[in-house]
C-alpha atoms as a PDB file:
ATOM      1  CA  MET A   1     -84.724  73.794   0.146  1.00  0.00           C
ATOM      2  CA  GLN A   2     -83.568  70.248   0.787  1.00  0.00           C
ATOM      3  CA  LEU A   3     -85.655  67.617   2.409  1.00  0.00           C
ATOM      4  CA  LYS A   4     -83.379  67.625   5.593  1.00  0.00           C
ATOM      5  CA  ASP A   5     -84.091  71.381   6.043  1.00  0.00           C
ATOM      6  CA  VAL A   6     -87.753  70.958   5.541  1.00  0.00           C
ATOM      7  CA  LEU A   7     -88.002  68.208   8.202  1.00  0.00           C
ATOM      8  CA  ASN A   8     -85.964  70.404  10.669  1.00  0.00           C
ATOM      9  CA  LEU A   9     -88.311  73.251  10.000  1.00  0.00           C
ATOM     10  CA  ARG A  10     -91.334  71.128  10.520  1.00  0.00           C
ATOM     11  CA  GLY A  11     -89.945  69.906  13.805  1.00  0.00           C
ATOM     12  CA  LYS A  12     -89.365  73.360  15.002  1.00  0.00           C
ATOM     13  CA  ILE A  13     -92.857  74.464  14.165  1.00  0.00           C
ATOM     14  CA  ARG A  14     -94.390  71.449  15.777  1.00  0.00           C
ATOM     15  CA  GLY A  15     -92.380  72.087  18.911  1.00  0.00           C
ATOM     16  CA  LYS A  16     -93.592  75.706  19.059  1.00  0.00           C
ATOM     17  CA  LEU A  17     -97.210  74.694  18.473  1.00  0.00           C
ATOM     18  CA  THR A  18     -96.932  72.201  21.353  1.00  0.00           C
ATOM     19  CA  ILE A  19     -95.630  74.866  23.685  1.00  0.00           C
ATOM     20  CA  ILE A  20     -98.418  77.257  22.482  1.00  0.00           C
ATOM     21  CA  MET A  21    -101.018  74.589  23.019  1.00  0.00           C
ATOM     22  CA  VAL A  22     -99.844  73.602  26.522  1.00  0.00           C
ATOM     23  CA  THR A  23     -99.798  77.316  27.459  1.00  0.00           C
ATOM     24  CA  ILE A  24    -103.290  77.739  26.234  1.00  0.00           C
ATOM     25  CA  ALA A  25    -104.353  74.705  28.199  1.00  0.00           C
ATOM     26  CA  VAL A  26    -102.810  76.057  31.356  1.00  0.00           C
ATOM     27  CA  LEU A  27    -104.542  79.368  30.831  1.00  0.00           C
ATOM     28  CA  MET A  28    -107.773  77.704  30.260  1.00  0.00           C
ATOM     29  CA  LEU A  29    -107.457  75.699  33.420  1.00  0.00           C
ATOM     30  CA  SER A  30    -106.534  78.785  35.283  1.00  0.00           C
ATOM     31  CA  VAL A  31    -109.600  80.634  33.978  1.00  0.00           C
ATOM     32  CA  THR A  32    -111.803  77.690  34.592  1.00  0.00           C
ATOM     33  CA  GLY A  33    -110.571  77.468  38.053  1.00  0.00           C
ATOM     34  CA  CYS A  34    -111.236  81.146  38.665  1.00  0.00           C
ATOM     35  CA  SER A  35    -114.679  80.858  37.136  1.00  0.00           C
ATOM     36  CA  LYS A  36    -115.488  77.935  39.403  1.00  0.00           C
ATOM     37  CA  ASN A  37    -114.373  79.936  42.476  1.00  0.00           C
ATOM     38  CA  GLN A  38    -116.071  83.191  41.435  1.00  0.00           C
ATOM     39  CA  PRO A  39    -119.643  82.111  41.381  1.00  0.00           C
ATOM     40  CA  ALA A  40    -119.067  80.378  44.688  1.00  0.00           C
ATOM     41  CA  THR A  41    -117.869  83.690  46.282  1.00  0.00           C
ATOM     42  CA  ALA A  42    -120.795  85.645  44.716  1.00  0.00           C
ATOM     43  CA  GLY A  43    -123.011  82.857  45.956  1.00  0.00           C
ATOM     44  CA  ASN A  44    -121.722  83.126  49.471  1.00  0.00           C
ATOM     45  CA  GLU A  45    -122.269  86.904  49.357  1.00  0.00           C
ATOM     46  CA  SER A  46    -125.760  86.736  48.116  1.00  0.00           C
ATOM     47  CA  SER A  47    -126.745  83.783  50.344  1.00  0.00           C
ATOM     48  CA  ALA A  48    -125.464  85.550  53.433  1.00  0.00           C
ATOM     49  CA  GLN A  49    -128.671  86.115  55.452  1.00  0.00           C
ATOM     50  CA  GLN A  50    -129.877  89.722  55.037  1.00  0.00           C
ATOM     51  CA  PRO A  51    -131.507  91.150  58.218  1.00  0.00           C
ATOM     52  CA  ASP A  52    -135.315  91.160  58.354  1.00  0.00           C
ATOM     53  CA  ILE A  53    -136.597  94.808  58.481  1.00  0.00           C
ATOM     54  CA  ILE A  54    -139.148  95.691  61.128  1.00  0.00           C
ATOM     55  CA  ARG A  55    -140.770  99.095  60.792  1.00  0.00           C
ATOM     56  CA  VAL A  56    -141.742 100.820  63.979  1.00  0.00           C
ATOM     57  CA  ALA A  57    -142.948 104.252  64.802  1.00  0.00           C
ATOM     58  CA  THR A  58    -140.226 106.644  65.730  1.00  0.00           C
ATOM     59  CA  PRO A  59    -140.283 107.305  69.504  1.00  0.00           C
ATOM     60  CA  ASN A  60    -141.393 110.943  69.953  1.00  0.00           C
ATOM     61  CA  ALA A  61    -140.378 112.783  73.206  1.00  0.00           C
ATOM     62  CA  PRO A  62    -140.075 109.439  75.009  1.00  0.00           C
ATOM     63  CA  THR A  63    -141.058 109.568  78.640  1.00  0.00           C
ATOM     64  CA  SER A  64    -139.342 106.330  79.563  1.00  0.00           C
ATOM     65  CA  PRO A  65    -136.476 104.298  77.869  1.00  0.00           C
ATOM     66  CA  SER A  66    -137.220 102.993  74.362  1.00  0.00           C
ATOM     67  CA  ILE A  67    -136.883  99.292  74.084  1.00  0.00           C
ATOM     68  CA  TYR A  68    -136.135  99.798  70.452  1.00  0.00           C
ATOM     69  CA  TYR A  69    -133.354 102.314  71.014  1.00  0.00           C
ATOM     70  CA  VAL A  70    -131.843 100.242  73.755  1.00  0.00           C
ATOM     71  CA  GLY A  71    -132.067  96.861  72.070  1.00  0.00           C
ATOM     72  CA  GLU A  72    -130.649  98.326  68.876  1.00  0.00           C
ATOM     73  CA  GLU A  73    -127.766 100.090  70.520  1.00  0.00           C
ATOM     74  CA  LEU A  74    -126.799  96.975  72.313  1.00  0.00           C
ATOM     75  CA  GLY A  75    -127.120  94.723  69.224  1.00  0.00           C
ATOM     76  CA  PHE A  76    -129.868  92.471  70.622  1.00  0.00           C
ATOM     77  CA  PHE A  77    -132.005  92.905  67.485  1.00  0.00           C
ATOM     78  CA  ALA A  78    -129.065  92.416  65.139  1.00  0.00           C
ATOM     79  CA  GLU A  79    -128.287  89.133  66.992  1.00  0.00           C
ATOM     80  CA  GLN A  80    -131.650  87.942  65.940  1.00  0.00           C
ATOM     81  CA  GLY A  81    -131.181  88.982  62.397  1.00  0.00           C
ATOM     82  CA  ILE A  82    -133.557  91.879  62.680  1.00  0.00           C
ATOM     83  CA  LYS A  83    -133.023  95.536  61.625  1.00  0.00           C
ATOM     84  CA  ILE A  84    -135.250  98.211  63.208  1.00  0.00           C
ATOM     85  CA  GLU A  85    -136.460 100.807  60.785  1.00  0.00           C
ATOM     86  CA  TYR A  86    -138.036 104.004  62.121  1.00  0.00           C
ATOM     87  CA  ALA A  87    -141.017 105.048  59.854  1.00  0.00           C
ATOM     88  CA  GLY A  88    -141.520 108.458  61.573  1.00  0.00           C
ATOM     89  CA  VAL A  89    -143.707 109.645  64.441  1.00  0.00           C
ATOM     90  CA  VAL A  90    -147.181 108.132  64.613  1.00  0.00           C
ATOM     91  CA  PRO A  91    -149.678 109.163  67.255  1.00  0.00           C
ATOM     92  CA  SER A  92    -150.837 106.469  69.532  1.00  0.00           C
ATOM     93  CA  THR A  93    -154.364 106.836  68.444  1.00  0.00           C
ATOM     94  CA  GLN A  94    -153.152 105.884  64.773  1.00  0.00           C
ATOM     95  CA  LEU A  95    -150.843 103.005  65.671  1.00  0.00           C
ATOM     96  CA  VAL A  96    -153.404 100.280  65.094  1.00  0.00           C
ATOM     97  CA  ALA A  97    -154.560 101.591  61.776  1.00  0.00           C
ATOM     98  CA  SER A  98    -150.999 102.024  60.631  1.00  0.00           C
ATOM     99  CA  VAL A  99    -150.096  98.300  61.467  1.00  0.00           C
ATOM    100  CA  VAL A 100    -153.320  97.007  59.869  1.00  0.00           C
ATOM    101  CA  ALA A 101    -152.609  99.061  56.704  1.00  0.00           C
ATOM    102  CA  GLY A 102    -149.033  97.793  56.605  1.00  0.00           C
ATOM    103  CA  LYS A 103    -147.402 101.168  57.059  1.00  0.00           C
ATOM    104  CA  LEU A 104    -145.817  99.824  60.262  1.00  0.00           C
ATOM    105  CA  ASP A 105    -144.856  96.200  60.997  1.00  0.00           C
ATOM    106  CA  VAL A 106    -145.299  96.463  64.758  1.00  0.00           C
ATOM    107  CA  GLY A 107    -147.220  98.951  67.100  1.00  0.00           C
ATOM    108  CA  GLY A 108    -147.400  99.341  70.791  1.00  0.00           C
ATOM    109  CA  ALA A 109    -149.070 101.680  73.354  1.00  0.00           C
ATOM    110  CA  HIS A 110    -151.027 101.124  76.482  1.00  0.00           C
ATOM    111  CA  ILE A 111    -152.991  97.846  76.446  1.00  0.00           C
ATOM    112  CA  ASN A 112    -156.290  99.652  76.234  1.00  0.00           C
ATOM    113  CA  ARG A 113    -155.492 100.795  72.642  1.00  0.00           C
ATOM    114  CA  THR A 114    -154.825  97.251  71.484  1.00  0.00           C
ATOM    115  CA  ILE A 115    -158.118  95.984  73.087  1.00  0.00           C
ATOM    116  CA  ALA A 116    -160.110  98.798  71.607  1.00  0.00           C
ATOM    117  CA  GLY A 117    -158.673  98.240  68.168  1.00  0.00           C
ATOM    118  CA  ILE A 118    -159.435  94.421  68.204  1.00  0.00           C
ATOM    119  CA  SER A 119    -162.884  95.073  69.529  1.00  0.00           C
ATOM    120  CA  ALA A 120    -163.429  97.458  66.535  1.00  0.00           C
ATOM    121  CA  GLY A 121    -162.387  94.706  64.208  1.00  0.00           C
ATOM    122  CA  ALA A 122    -158.576  95.257  63.719  1.00  0.00           C
ATOM    123  CA  LYS A 123    -156.813  91.921  62.867  1.00  0.00           C
ATOM    124  CA  ILE A 124    -153.894  92.367  65.238  1.00  0.00           C
ATOM    125  CA  ARG A 125    -152.396  90.401  68.124  1.00  0.00           C
ATOM    126  CA  ALA A 126    -150.102  91.381  70.961  1.00  0.00           C
ATOM    127  CA  VAL A 127    -147.053  89.154  71.065  1.00  0.00           C
ATOM    128  CA  THR A 128    -144.634  90.771  73.622  1.00  0.00           C
ATOM    129  CA  ALA A 129    -144.805  92.789  76.797  1.00  0.00           C
ATOM    130  CA  ASN A 130    -142.988  96.117  77.181  1.00  0.00           C
ATOM    131  CA  THR A 131    -143.388  98.298  80.329  1.00  0.00           C
ATOM    132  CA  GLU A 132    -145.486  97.368  83.272  1.00  0.00           C
ATOM    133  CA  THR A 133    -146.174  99.074  86.599  1.00  0.00           C
ATOM    134  CA  SER A 134    -144.246  98.768  89.851  1.00  0.00           C
ATOM    135  CA  GLN A 135    -144.802 100.809  93.076  1.00  0.00           C
ATOM    136  CA  ALA A 136    -141.569 102.730  92.566  1.00  0.00           C
ATOM    137  CA  ILE A 137    -142.161 103.109  88.821  1.00  0.00           C
ATOM    138  CA  PRO A 138    -145.846 103.372  88.013  1.00  0.00           C
ATOM    139  CA  HIS A 139    -147.095 103.788  84.446  1.00  0.00           C
ATOM    140  CA  MET A 140    -148.613 107.189  85.320  1.00  0.00           C
ATOM    141  CA  VAL A 141    -149.370 109.526  88.157  1.00  0.00           C
ATOM    142  CA  CYS A 142    -152.067 112.071  88.832  1.00  0.00           C
ATOM    143  CA  VAL A 143    -150.496 115.352  89.715  1.00  0.00           C
ATOM    144  CA  THR A 144    -151.670 118.673  91.255  1.00  0.00           C
ATOM    145  CA  THR A 145    -150.007 121.717  92.683  1.00  0.00           C
ATOM    146  CA  LYS A 146    -148.151 121.530  95.978  1.00  0.00           C
ATOM    147  CA  ASN A 147    -150.630 123.779  97.776  1.00  0.00           C
ATOM    148  CA  SER A 148    -153.821 122.173  96.179  1.00  0.00           C
ATOM    149  CA  PRO A 149    -156.402 121.067  98.557  1.00  0.00           C
ATOM    150  CA  ILE A 150    -157.129 118.020  96.360  1.00  0.00           C
ATOM    151  CA  LYS A 151    -156.088 115.021  98.272  1.00  0.00           C
ATOM    152  CA  SER A 152    -158.739 112.261  97.418  1.00  0.00           C
ATOM    153  CA  ALA A 153    -161.071 110.936  94.880  1.00  0.00           C
ATOM    154  CA  GLN A 154    -163.856 112.914  96.485  1.00  0.00           C
ATOM    155  CA  ASP A 155    -161.992 116.186  96.015  1.00  0.00           C
ATOM    156  CA  MET A 156    -161.636 115.317  92.392  1.00  0.00           C
ATOM    157  CA  VAL A 157    -165.353 115.899  91.708  1.00  0.00           C
ATOM    158  CA  GLY A 158    -166.138 118.985  89.564  1.00  0.00           C
ATOM    159  CA  LYS A 159    -162.403 119.486  88.821  1.00  0.00           C
ATOM    160  CA  LYS A 160    -160.627 119.986  85.453  1.00  0.00           C
ATOM    161  CA  ILE A 161    -158.179 117.174  84.484  1.00  0.00           C
ATOM    162  CA  GLY A 162    -155.477 117.677  81.880  1.00  0.00           C
ATOM    163  CA  ILE A 163    -154.674 114.608  79.755  1.00  0.00           C
ATOM    164  CA  PRO A 164    -152.690 114.103  76.564  1.00  0.00           C
ATOM    165  CA  LEU A 165    -155.221 112.007  74.765  1.00  0.00           C
ATOM    166  CA  ILE A 166    -158.758 110.878  75.033  1.00  0.00           C
ATOM    167  CA  GLY A 167    -159.686 107.268  75.233  1.00  0.00           C
ATOM    168  CA  GLY A 168    -156.369 105.963  76.650  1.00  0.00           C
ATOM    169  CA  CYS A 169    -154.894 105.225  80.058  1.00  0.00           C
ATOM    170  CA  ASN A 170    -154.688 108.972  80.526  1.00  0.00           C
ATOM    171  CA  GLU A 171    -158.484 109.166  80.722  1.00  0.00           C
ATOM    172  CA  TYR A 172    -159.534 105.851  82.216  1.00  0.00           C
ATOM    173  CA  THR A 173    -156.996 105.732  84.984  1.00  0.00           C
ATOM    174  CA  PRO A 174    -158.592 108.636  86.887  1.00  0.00           C
ATOM    175  CA  TYR A 175    -162.084 107.195  86.200  1.00  0.00           C
ATOM    176  CA  ALA A 176    -161.038 103.781  87.522  1.00  0.00           C
ATOM    177  CA  TYR A 177    -159.542 105.545  90.652  1.00  0.00           C
ATOM    178  CA  MET A 178    -162.643 107.471  91.289  1.00  0.00           C
ATOM    179  CA  LYS A 179    -164.863 104.491  90.865  1.00  0.00           C
ATOM    180  CA  LYS A 180    -162.764 102.424  93.206  1.00  0.00           C
ATOM    181  CA  ASN A 181    -163.147 105.055  95.773  1.00  0.00           C
ATOM    182  CA  GLY A 182    -166.930 105.225  95.672  1.00  0.00           C
ATOM    183  CA  ILE A 183    -167.612 107.850  93.017  1.00  0.00           C
ATOM    184  CA  SER A 184    -170.312 106.502  90.731  1.00  0.00           C
ATOM    185  CA  ASP A 185    -170.304 107.671  87.001  1.00  0.00           C
ATOM    186  CA  PRO A 186    -167.006 109.384  87.370  1.00  0.00           C
ATOM    187  CA  LYS A 187    -167.002 110.402  83.629  1.00  0.00           C
ATOM    188  CA  SER A 188    -169.738 112.915  84.284  1.00  0.00           C
ATOM    189  CA  LYS A 189    -168.131 114.185  87.565  1.00  0.00           C
ATOM    190  CA  VAL A 190    -164.932 115.834  86.013  1.00  0.00           C
ATOM    191  CA  GLN A 191    -164.067 117.987  83.061  1.00  0.00           C
ATOM    192  CA  ILE A 192    -161.467 116.577  80.773  1.00  0.00           C
ATOM    193  CA  ILE A 193    -159.039 119.057  79.047  1.00  0.00           C
ATOM    194  CA  VAL A 194    -156.826 117.618  76.233  1.00  0.00           C
ATOM    195  CA  MET A 195    -153.348 119.061  75.663  1.00  0.00           C
ATOM    196  CA  PRO A 196    -149.822 117.893  74.900  1.00  0.00           C
ATOM    197  CA  GLU A 197    -148.107 116.312  77.927  1.00  0.00           C
ATOM    198  CA  THR A 198    -145.256 118.759  77.680  1.00  0.00           C
ATOM    199  CA  GLN A 199    -147.735 121.562  78.377  1.00  0.00           C
ATOM    200  CA  LEU A 200    -149.494 120.010  81.415  1.00  0.00           C
ATOM    201  CA  ASP A 201    -147.087 121.326  84.103  1.00  0.00           C
ATOM    202  CA  GLN A 202    -147.558 124.885  82.828  1.00  0.00           C
ATOM    203  CA  ALA A 203    -151.271 124.517  82.675  1.00  0.00           C
ATOM    204  CA  LEU A 204    -151.217 123.415  86.351  1.00  0.00           C
ATOM    205  CA  ARG A 205    -149.095 126.466  87.312  1.00  0.00           C
ATOM    206  CA  GLN A 206    -151.481 128.898  85.548  1.00  0.00           C
ATOM    207  CA  GLY A 207    -154.578 127.253  87.079  1.00  0.00           C
ATOM    208  CA  ASP A 208    -156.019 126.265  83.679  1.00  0.00           C
ATOM    209  CA  ILE A 209    -156.470 122.754  85.067  1.00  0.00           C
ATOM    210  CA  ASP A 210    -156.579 121.257  88.610  1.00  0.00           C
ATOM    211  CA  LEU A 211    -155.079 117.906  88.000  1.00  0.00           C
ATOM    212  CA  ALA A 212    -152.789 116.416  85.329  1.00  0.00           C
ATOM    213  CA  MET A 213    -152.177 112.837  84.260  1.00  0.00           C
ATOM    214  CA  MET A 214    -148.455 112.464  83.638  1.00  0.00           C
ATOM    215  CA  HIS A 215    -146.211 109.542  82.579  1.00  0.00           C
ATOM    216  CA  LYS A 216    -143.821 110.199  85.440  1.00  0.00           C
ATOM    217  CA  THR A 217    -142.823 108.565  88.695  1.00  0.00           C
ATOM    218  CA  THR A 218    -143.670 109.783  92.205  1.00  0.00           C
ATOM    219  CA  ASP A 219    -140.061 110.541  92.964  1.00  0.00           C
ATOM    220  CA  PHE A 220    -139.643 112.501  89.715  1.00  0.00           C
ATOM    221  CA  ILE A 221    -142.564 114.699  90.870  1.00  0.00           C
ATOM    222  CA  LYS A 222    -141.264 115.041  94.437  1.00  0.00           C
ATOM    223  CA  GLU A 223    -137.815 116.028  93.266  1.00  0.00           C
ATOM    224  CA  ARG A 224    -139.241 118.939  91.330  1.00  0.00           C
ATOM    225  CA  GLY A 225    -140.729 120.273  94.362  1.00  0.00           C
ATOM    226  CA  GLU A 226    -143.619 122.268  92.990  1.00  0.00           C
ATOM    227  CA  PHE A 227    -146.188 119.439  92.594  1.00  0.00           C
ATOM    228  CA  GLN A 228    -147.699 116.601  94.608  1.00  0.00           C
ATOM    229  CA  VAL A 229    -149.014 113.175  93.460  1.00  0.00           C
ATOM    230  CA  VAL A 230    -152.601 112.417  94.326  1.00  0.00           C
ATOM    231  CA  PHE A 231    -152.362 108.833  93.224  1.00  0.00           C
ATOM    232  CA  SER A 232    -150.685 106.514  90.643  1.00  0.00           C
ATOM    233  CA  ASP A 233    -152.004 103.570  88.574  1.00  0.00           C
ATOM    234  CA  TYR A 234    -150.335 101.391  91.114  1.00  0.00           C
ATOM    235  CA  ASP A 235    -152.905 102.704  93.692  1.00  0.00           C
ATOM    236  CA  VAL A 236    -155.610 101.523  91.423  1.00  0.00           C
ATOM    237  CA  TRP A 237    -154.540  98.125  90.122  1.00  0.00           C
ATOM    238  CA  GLY A 238    -151.138  97.238  91.768  1.00  0.00           C
ATOM    239  CA  THR A 239    -148.696  95.925  89.241  1.00  0.00           C
ATOM    240  CA  ILE A 240    -151.197  94.927  86.585  1.00  0.00           C
ATOM    241  CA  GLY A 241    -152.524  98.188  85.130  1.00  0.00           C
ATOM    242  CA  GLY A 242    -149.689  99.663  83.210  1.00  0.00           C
ATOM    243  CA  ALA A 243    -148.997  97.219  80.413  1.00  0.00           C
ATOM    244  CA  THR A 244    -147.761  98.388  77.011  1.00  0.00           C
ATOM    245  CA  PRO A 245    -147.517  95.351  74.829  1.00  0.00           C
ATOM    246  CA  ALA A 246    -146.359  95.313  71.153  1.00  0.00           C
ATOM    247  CA  TYR A 247    -148.503  93.820  68.387  1.00  0.00           C
ATOM    248  CA  PHE A 248    -148.257  92.738  64.788  1.00  0.00           C
ATOM    249  CA  SER A 249    -151.038  92.210  62.225  1.00  0.00           C
ATOM    250  CA  GLU A 250    -152.420  88.716  62.083  1.00  0.00           C
ATOM    251  CA  LYS A 251    -151.314  88.584  58.454  1.00  0.00           C
ATOM    252  CA  PHE A 252    -147.675  89.390  59.424  1.00  0.00           C
ATOM    253  CA  ILE A 253    -147.754  86.719  62.166  1.00  0.00           C
ATOM    254  CA  GLN A 254    -149.228  84.171  59.680  1.00  0.00           C
ATOM    255  CA  ASP A 255    -146.661  85.119  56.898  1.00  0.00           C
ATOM    256  CA  LYS A 256    -143.524  85.537  59.110  1.00  0.00           C
ATOM    257  CA  PRO A 257    -143.946  83.629  62.332  1.00  0.00           C
ATOM    258  CA  ASP A 258    -140.051  83.136  62.642  1.00  0.00           C
ATOM    259  CA  VAL A 259    -139.448  86.867  62.331  1.00  0.00           C
ATOM    260  CA  VAL A 260    -142.070  87.486  65.107  1.00  0.00           C
ATOM    261  CA  ARG A 261    -140.322  84.839  67.255  1.00  0.00           C
ATOM    262  CA  ARG A 262    -136.906  86.358  66.838  1.00  0.00           C
ATOM    263  CA  PHE A 263    -138.381  89.883  67.465  1.00  0.00           C
ATOM    264  CA  VAL A 264    -139.949  88.683  70.771  1.00  0.00           C
ATOM    265  CA  ALA A 265    -136.665  87.069  71.827  1.00  0.00           C
ATOM    266  CA  ALA A 266    -134.816  90.364  71.223  1.00  0.00           C
ATOM    267  CA  VAL A 267    -137.405  92.344  73.243  1.00  0.00           C
ATOM    268  CA  ALA A 268    -137.208  89.839  76.049  1.00  0.00           C
ATOM    269  CA  ARG A 269    -133.420  90.276  76.381  1.00  0.00           C
ATOM    270  CA  THR A 270    -133.776  94.016  76.147  1.00  0.00           C
ATOM    271  CA  ASN A 271    -136.454  94.142  78.782  1.00  0.00           C
ATOM    272  CA  ASN A 272    -134.275  92.178  81.205  1.00  0.00           C
ATOM    273  CA  TRP A 273    -131.190  94.197  80.518  1.00  0.00           C
ATOM    274  CA  ALA A 274    -133.115  97.530  80.915  1.00  0.00           C
ATOM    275  CA  ASN A 275    -134.383  96.368  84.318  1.00  0.00           C
ATOM    276  CA  ALA A 276    -130.834  95.529  85.431  1.00  0.00           C
ATOM    277  CA  ASN A 277    -129.371  98.824  83.964  1.00  0.00           C
ATOM    278  CA  PRO A 278    -132.100 101.449  84.286  1.00  0.00           C
ATOM    279  CA  GLU A 279    -129.828 104.422  84.181  1.00  0.00           C
ATOM    280  CA  LYS A 280    -127.886 103.217  81.119  1.00  0.00           C
ATOM    281  CA  ALA A 281    -131.188 102.512  79.364  1.00  0.00           C
ATOM    282  CA  LEU A 282    -132.277 106.009  80.070  1.00  0.00           C
ATOM    283  CA  GLU A 283    -128.957 107.459  78.898  1.00  0.00           C
ATOM    284  CA  ILE A 284    -129.150 105.512  75.654  1.00  0.00           C
ATOM    285  CA  THR A 285    -132.728 106.666  74.939  1.00  0.00           C
ATOM    286  CA  ALA A 286    -131.943 110.277  75.794  1.00  0.00           C
ATOM    287  CA  LYS A 287    -128.931 110.297  73.419  1.00  0.00           C
ATOM    288  CA  ARG A 288    -130.787 108.576  70.516  1.00  0.00           C
ATOM    289  CA  ALA A 289    -133.852 110.786  70.989  1.00  0.00           C
ATOM    290  CA  ASN A 290    -131.711 113.901  71.515  1.00  0.00           C
ATOM    291  CA  VAL A 291    -133.583 114.855  74.656  1.00  0.00           C
ATOM    292  CA  ASP A 292    -132.634 115.970  78.216  1.00  0.00           C
ATOM    293  CA  PRO A 293    -132.175 112.817  80.276  1.00  0.00           C
ATOM    294  CA  LYS A 294    -133.934 114.730  83.096  1.00  0.00           C
ATOM    295  CA  THR A 295    -137.175 114.491  81.194  1.00  0.00           C
ATOM    296  CA  ILE A 296    -137.185 110.710  81.028  1.00  0.00           C
ATOM    297  CA  LYS A 297    -138.159 108.640  83.919  1.00  0.00           C
ATOM    298  CA  PRO A 298    -136.727 105.095  84.578  1.00  0.00           C
ATOM    299  CA  GLY A 299    -138.637 102.260  83.057  1.00  0.00           C
ATOM    300  CA  HIS A 300    -139.915  98.942  84.491  1.00  0.00           C
ATOM    301  CA  TYR A 301    -140.297  96.189  82.019  1.00  0.00           C
ATOM    302  CA  ALA A 302    -142.034  92.808  81.894  1.00  0.00           C
ATOM    303  CA  LYS A 303    -139.648  90.086  82.816  1.00  0.00           C
ATOM    304  CA  ASP A 304    -138.818  87.910  79.710  1.00  0.00           C
ATOM    305  CA  ALA A 305    -141.409  90.165  77.896  1.00  0.00           C
ATOM    306  CA  LEU A 306    -144.196  87.708  78.879  1.00  0.00           C
ATOM    307  CA  ILE A 307    -147.697  89.211  78.620  1.00  0.00           C
ATOM    308  CA  LEU A 308    -149.789  88.460  81.792  1.00  0.00           C
ATOM    309  CA  GLU A 309    -153.422  87.736  81.424  1.00  0.00           C
ATOM    310  CA  ASP A 310    -154.375  89.894  84.377  1.00  0.00           C
ATOM    311  CA  THR A 311    -152.972  92.916  82.710  1.00  0.00           C
ATOM    312  CA  VAL A 312    -155.170  92.250  79.754  1.00  0.00           C
ATOM    313  CA  THR A 313    -158.270  91.271  81.722  1.00  0.00           C
ATOM    314  CA  VAL A 314    -158.440  94.331  83.931  1.00  0.00           C
ATOM    315  CA  TRP A 315    -158.659  96.658  80.957  1.00  0.00           C
ATOM    316  CA  ILE A 316    -161.114  94.499  79.084  1.00  0.00           C
ATOM    317  CA  ASN A 317    -163.348  94.750  82.183  1.00  0.00           C
ATOM    318  CA  LEU A 318    -162.806  98.485  82.626  1.00  0.00           C
ATOM    319  CA  LEU A 319    -163.463  99.307  78.902  1.00  0.00           C
ATOM    320  CA  THR A 320    -166.551  97.094  78.957  1.00  0.00           C
ATOM    321  CA  ASP A 321    -167.857  98.751  82.108  1.00  0.00           C
ATOM    322  CA  PHE A 322    -167.553 102.231  80.265  1.00  0.00           C
ATOM    323  CA  ASN A 323    -169.165 100.879  77.103  1.00  0.00           C
ATOM    324  CA  GLU A 324    -165.920 101.674  75.200  1.00  0.00           C
ATOM    325  CA  ILE A 325    -165.777  98.139  73.627  1.00  0.00           C
ATOM    326  CA  LYS A 326    -168.277  95.556  72.789  1.00  0.00           C
ATOM    327  CA  ALA A 327    -169.152  92.899  75.457  1.00  0.00           C
ATOM    328  CA  GLY A 328    -167.564  89.389  75.269  1.00  0.00           C
ATOM    329  CA  ILE A 329    -164.014  90.281  74.306  1.00  0.00           C
ATOM    330  CA  LYS A 330    -161.730  87.468  75.624  1.00  0.00           C
ATOM    331  CA  PRO A 331    -157.956  87.782  76.553  1.00  0.00           C
ATOM    332  CA  GLU A 332    -156.974  85.231  74.015  1.00  0.00           C
ATOM    333  CA  GLN A 333    -158.346  87.461  71.248  1.00  0.00           C
ATOM    334  CA  ILE A 334    -155.902  90.092  72.516  1.00  0.00           C
ATOM    335  CA  TYR A 335    -152.552  88.443  72.964  1.00  0.00           C
ATOM    336  CA  THR A 336    -150.479  85.309  72.682  1.00  0.00           C
ATOM    337  CA  ASN A 337    -147.167  84.225  74.333  1.00  0.00           C
ATOM    338  CA  GLU A 338    -146.646  81.441  71.868  1.00  0.00           C
ATOM    339  CA  PHE A 339    -143.568  83.126  70.184  1.00  0.00           C
ATOM    340  CA  ASN A 340    -141.882  83.867  73.550  1.00  0.00           C
ATOM    341  CA  PRO A 341    -139.053  81.469  74.186  1.00  0.00           C
ATOM    342  CA  HIS A 342    -139.559  81.950  77.888  1.00  0.00           C
ATOM    343  CA  ALA A 343    -143.253  80.840  77.846  1.00  0.00           C
ATOM    344  CA  LYS A 344    -144.142  77.583  79.385  1.00  0.00           C
ATOM    345  CA  LYS A 345    -145.016  75.068  76.681  1.00  0.00           C
END
């Protein structure tokens, strides 16, 4: 091969190598560009805020609209970055223990359960109000048959009262009513019969009990026609007796104050919406719980989910009078509104 041919061949090879190197460089830039973008995308996905899970007891045969069902259905909890997780049915007598043990994040029943739990040493604190009493929508009513001669507190002496649970509003509301109307030591003046609330009406019909404590409204009872209302908790305390606040463990509150704050904000919005749309709240709950809407009474909820001191104090005093809690419990041990955006600072 002549020198000229050799030089031409080297030139061709050098040109091809240059093209190959340029191509490789372009490919590397492309890959590098993709690799720079890819982690950013993955990072965006992983950094997207995941909702905080709040475990609650599954509402069982609800007698009024469930704030959890309503607020979840309307997206109020989601807007606050909270996802409600239903942990199964838990009897109201076990809610405090379940929250303390960490099986539930939040519990809620009538205020007397919260007070009794704290008195017994449970490290919990109520942070948001749920239902409360109004004249039209009391927390509960005392019911008897339509033709019953029982019309007053005096007529209740010696009678059998059916209640769903011992130690709750079911038991102490009739005691308070009798005491308010001059019956001393009412606990010894009546016989308490415990049975599921769904069986109370049949027990009345059969004469197994003389009176029943039900979470219904006066209108609900009147519409059915077969029973009459002797009194409601509104007749005992006005609007302050029927509070059902929600509580967290003190550990949860200390560890996750922002989650508590957002939870309270969602409940406040739900409460106000449910008060403005009672029938829709009822329909949502009936659908989610798969129950007949006719079995659920409308609810009345604390405005802005604010806990009122009077609703706590009245039950502290009542439970102290009946020696159900130790003396000296203060309202500030039971609740706080510090996480409520509507509270006066």
